[in-house]
C-alpha atoms as a PDB file:
ATOM      1  CA  MET A   1       3.822 -21.583   7.926  1.00  0.00           C
ATOM      2  CA  LEU A   2       1.117 -21.394  10.580  1.00  0.00           C
ATOM      3  CA  LYS A   3       3.565 -19.896  13.071  1.00  0.00           C
ATOM      4  CA  HIS A   4       4.550 -17.257  10.499  1.00  0.00           C
ATOM      5  CA  PHE A   5       0.897 -16.404   9.804  1.00  0.00           C
ATOM      6  CA  THR A   6       0.090 -16.266  13.525  1.00  0.00           C
ATOM      7  CA  SER A   7       2.954 -13.855  14.096  1.00  0.00           C
ATOM      8  CA  TYR A   8       1.725 -11.493  11.382  1.00  0.00           C
ATOM      9  CA  PHE A   9      -1.879 -11.807  12.498  1.00  0.00           C
ATOM     10  CA  THR A  10      -0.878 -10.911  16.061  1.00  0.00           C
ATOM     11  CA  LYS A  11       1.066  -7.869  14.863  1.00  0.00           C
ATOM     12  CA  LEU A  12      -1.861  -6.799  12.705  1.00  0.00           C
ATOM     13  CA  LEU A  13      -4.285  -7.200  15.582  1.00  0.00           C
ATOM     14  CA  VAL A  14      -2.094  -5.122  17.890  1.00  0.00           C
ATOM     15  CA  CYS A  15      -1.772  -2.368  15.284  1.00  0.00           C
ATOM     16  CA  LEU A  16      -5.505  -2.278  14.649  1.00  0.00           C
ATOM     17  CA  SER A  17      -6.318  -2.147  18.334  1.00  0.00           C
ATOM     18  CA  ALA A  18      -3.791   0.659  18.799  1.00  0.00           C
ATOM     19  CA  LEU A  19      -5.597   2.605  16.089  1.00  0.00           C
ATOM     20  CA  ILE A  20      -9.187   1.864  17.111  1.00  0.00           C
ATOM     21  CA  PHE A  21      -9.163   2.182  20.900  1.00  0.00           C
ATOM     22  CA  PRO A  22      -7.984   5.830  21.022  1.00  0.00           C
ATOM     23  CA  LEU A  23     -10.859   6.767  18.719  1.00  0.00           C
ATOM     24  CA  SER A  24     -13.364   6.039  21.469  1.00  0.00           C
ATOM     25  CA  ALA A  25     -11.501   8.422  23.765  1.00  0.00           C
ATOM     26  CA  MET A  26     -11.866  11.195  21.191  1.00  0.00           C
ATOM     27  CA  ALA A  27     -15.624  10.774  20.835  1.00  0.00           C
ATOM     28  CA  GLN A  28     -17.432  13.956  19.903  1.00  0.00           C
ATOM     29  CA  ASP A  29     -20.938  15.205  20.343  1.00  0.00           C
ATOM     30  CA  SER A  30     -23.043  13.803  17.507  1.00  0.00           C
ATOM     31  CA  ASN A  31     -24.780  17.173  17.017  1.00  0.00           C
ATOM     32  CA  ALA A  32     -21.482  18.858  16.146  1.00  0.00           C
ATOM     33  CA  VAL A  33     -20.783  16.722  13.054  1.00  0.00           C
ATOM     34  CA  ALA A  34     -23.178  17.957  10.384  1.00  0.00           C
ATOM     35  CA  MET A  35     -21.453  16.192   7.487  1.00  0.00           C
ATOM     36  CA  ALA A  36     -21.757  12.780   9.151  1.00  0.00           C
ATOM     37  CA  ASP A  37     -25.428  13.433   9.887  1.00  0.00           C
ATOM     38  CA  LYS A  38     -26.048  14.381   6.249  1.00  0.00           C
ATOM     39  CA  LEU A  39     -24.264  11.259   4.967  1.00  0.00           C
ATOM     40  CA  ARG A  40     -26.105   9.088   7.462  1.00  0.00           C
ATOM     41  CA  SER A  41     -29.505  10.528   6.534  1.00  0.00           C
ATOM     42  CA  ASP A  42     -28.822  10.001   2.817  1.00  0.00           C
ATOM     43  CA  GLY A  43     -27.578   6.460   3.447  1.00  0.00           C
ATOM     44  CA  LYS A  44     -24.216   7.290   1.874  1.00  0.00           C
ATOM     45  CA  ILE A  45     -22.258   6.657   5.064  1.00  0.00           C
ATOM     46  CA  TYR A  46     -22.310   2.953   4.182  1.00  0.00           C
ATOM     47  CA  VAL A  47     -20.683   3.720   0.845  1.00  0.00           C
ATOM     48  CA  VAL A  48     -17.948   5.690   2.592  1.00  0.00           C
ATOM     49  CA  VAL A  49     -17.324   2.898   5.098  1.00  0.00           C
ATOM     50  CA  THR A  50     -17.261   0.294   2.312  1.00  0.00           C
ATOM     51  CA  VAL A  51     -14.751   2.284   0.269  1.00  0.00           C
ATOM     52  CA  ILE A  52     -12.483   2.820   3.270  1.00  0.00           C
ATOM     53  CA  PHE A  53     -12.687  -0.875   4.171  1.00  0.00           C
ATOM     54  CA  THR A  54     -11.901  -1.901   0.578  1.00  0.00           C
ATOM     55  CA  ILE A  55      -8.870   0.385   0.425  1.00  0.00           C
ATOM     56  CA  PHE A  56      -7.626  -0.889   3.787  1.00  0.00           C
ATOM     57  CA  LEU A  57      -8.102  -4.513   2.712  1.00  0.00           C
ATOM     58  CA  GLY A  58      -6.230  -3.831  -0.535  1.00  0.00           C
ATOM     59  CA  ILE A  59      -3.297  -2.328   1.348  1.00  0.00           C
ATOM     60  CA  ILE A  60      -3.136  -5.337   3.680  1.00  0.00           C
ATOM     61  CA  LEU A  61      -3.218  -7.797   0.764  1.00  0.00           C
ATOM     62  CA  TYR A  62      -0.541  -5.805  -1.039  1.00  0.00           C
ATOM     63  CA  LEU A  63       1.707  -5.889   2.033  1.00  0.00           C
ATOM     64  CA  PHE A  64       1.274  -9.650   2.394  1.00  0.00           C
ATOM     65  CA  THR A  65       2.195 -10.232  -1.256  1.00  0.00           C
ATOM     66  CA  ILE A  66       5.266  -8.032  -0.910  1.00  0.00           C
ATOM     67  CA  GLU A  67       6.246  -9.991   2.193  1.00  0.00           C
ATOM     68  CA  LYS A  68       5.960 -13.276   0.274  1.00  0.00           C
ATOM     69  CA  LYS A  69       8.107 -11.934  -2.561  1.00  0.00           C
ATOM     70  CA  ILE A  70      10.756 -10.614  -0.171  1.00  0.00           C
ATOM     71  CA  LYS A  71      10.839 -13.926   1.681  1.00  0.00           C
ATOM     72  CA  LYS A  72      11.258 -15.796  -1.612  1.00  0.00           C
ATOM     73  CA  ILE A  73      14.128 -13.505  -2.657  1.00  0.00           C
ATOM     74  CA  GLU A  74      15.810 -13.947   0.741  1.00  0.00           C
ATOM     75  CA  GLN A  75      15.565 -17.736   0.451  1.00  0.00           C
ATOM     76  CA  ASN A  76      17.071 -17.667  -3.047  1.00  0.00           C
ATOM     77  CA  GLN A  77      20.041 -15.632  -1.796  1.00  0.00           C
ATOM     78  CA  LYS A  78      20.876 -18.143   0.935  1.00  0.00           C
END
């Protein structure tokens, strides 16, 4: 079980790093993003980040539960 979890965790970590590291290469001038400045000054940027994080966490949990169900079905077929 631990080996299975480690395998998925490694894949997840690689995918996240592949998504996050290119973002630093596409950094923009902070003066050019007026919407982000407005959200930051109002303190609403934290709400946006929290909502995005919650959605992302929900998707990950959903994928793990689907994986468990598929594995259970595969074991029943054997």
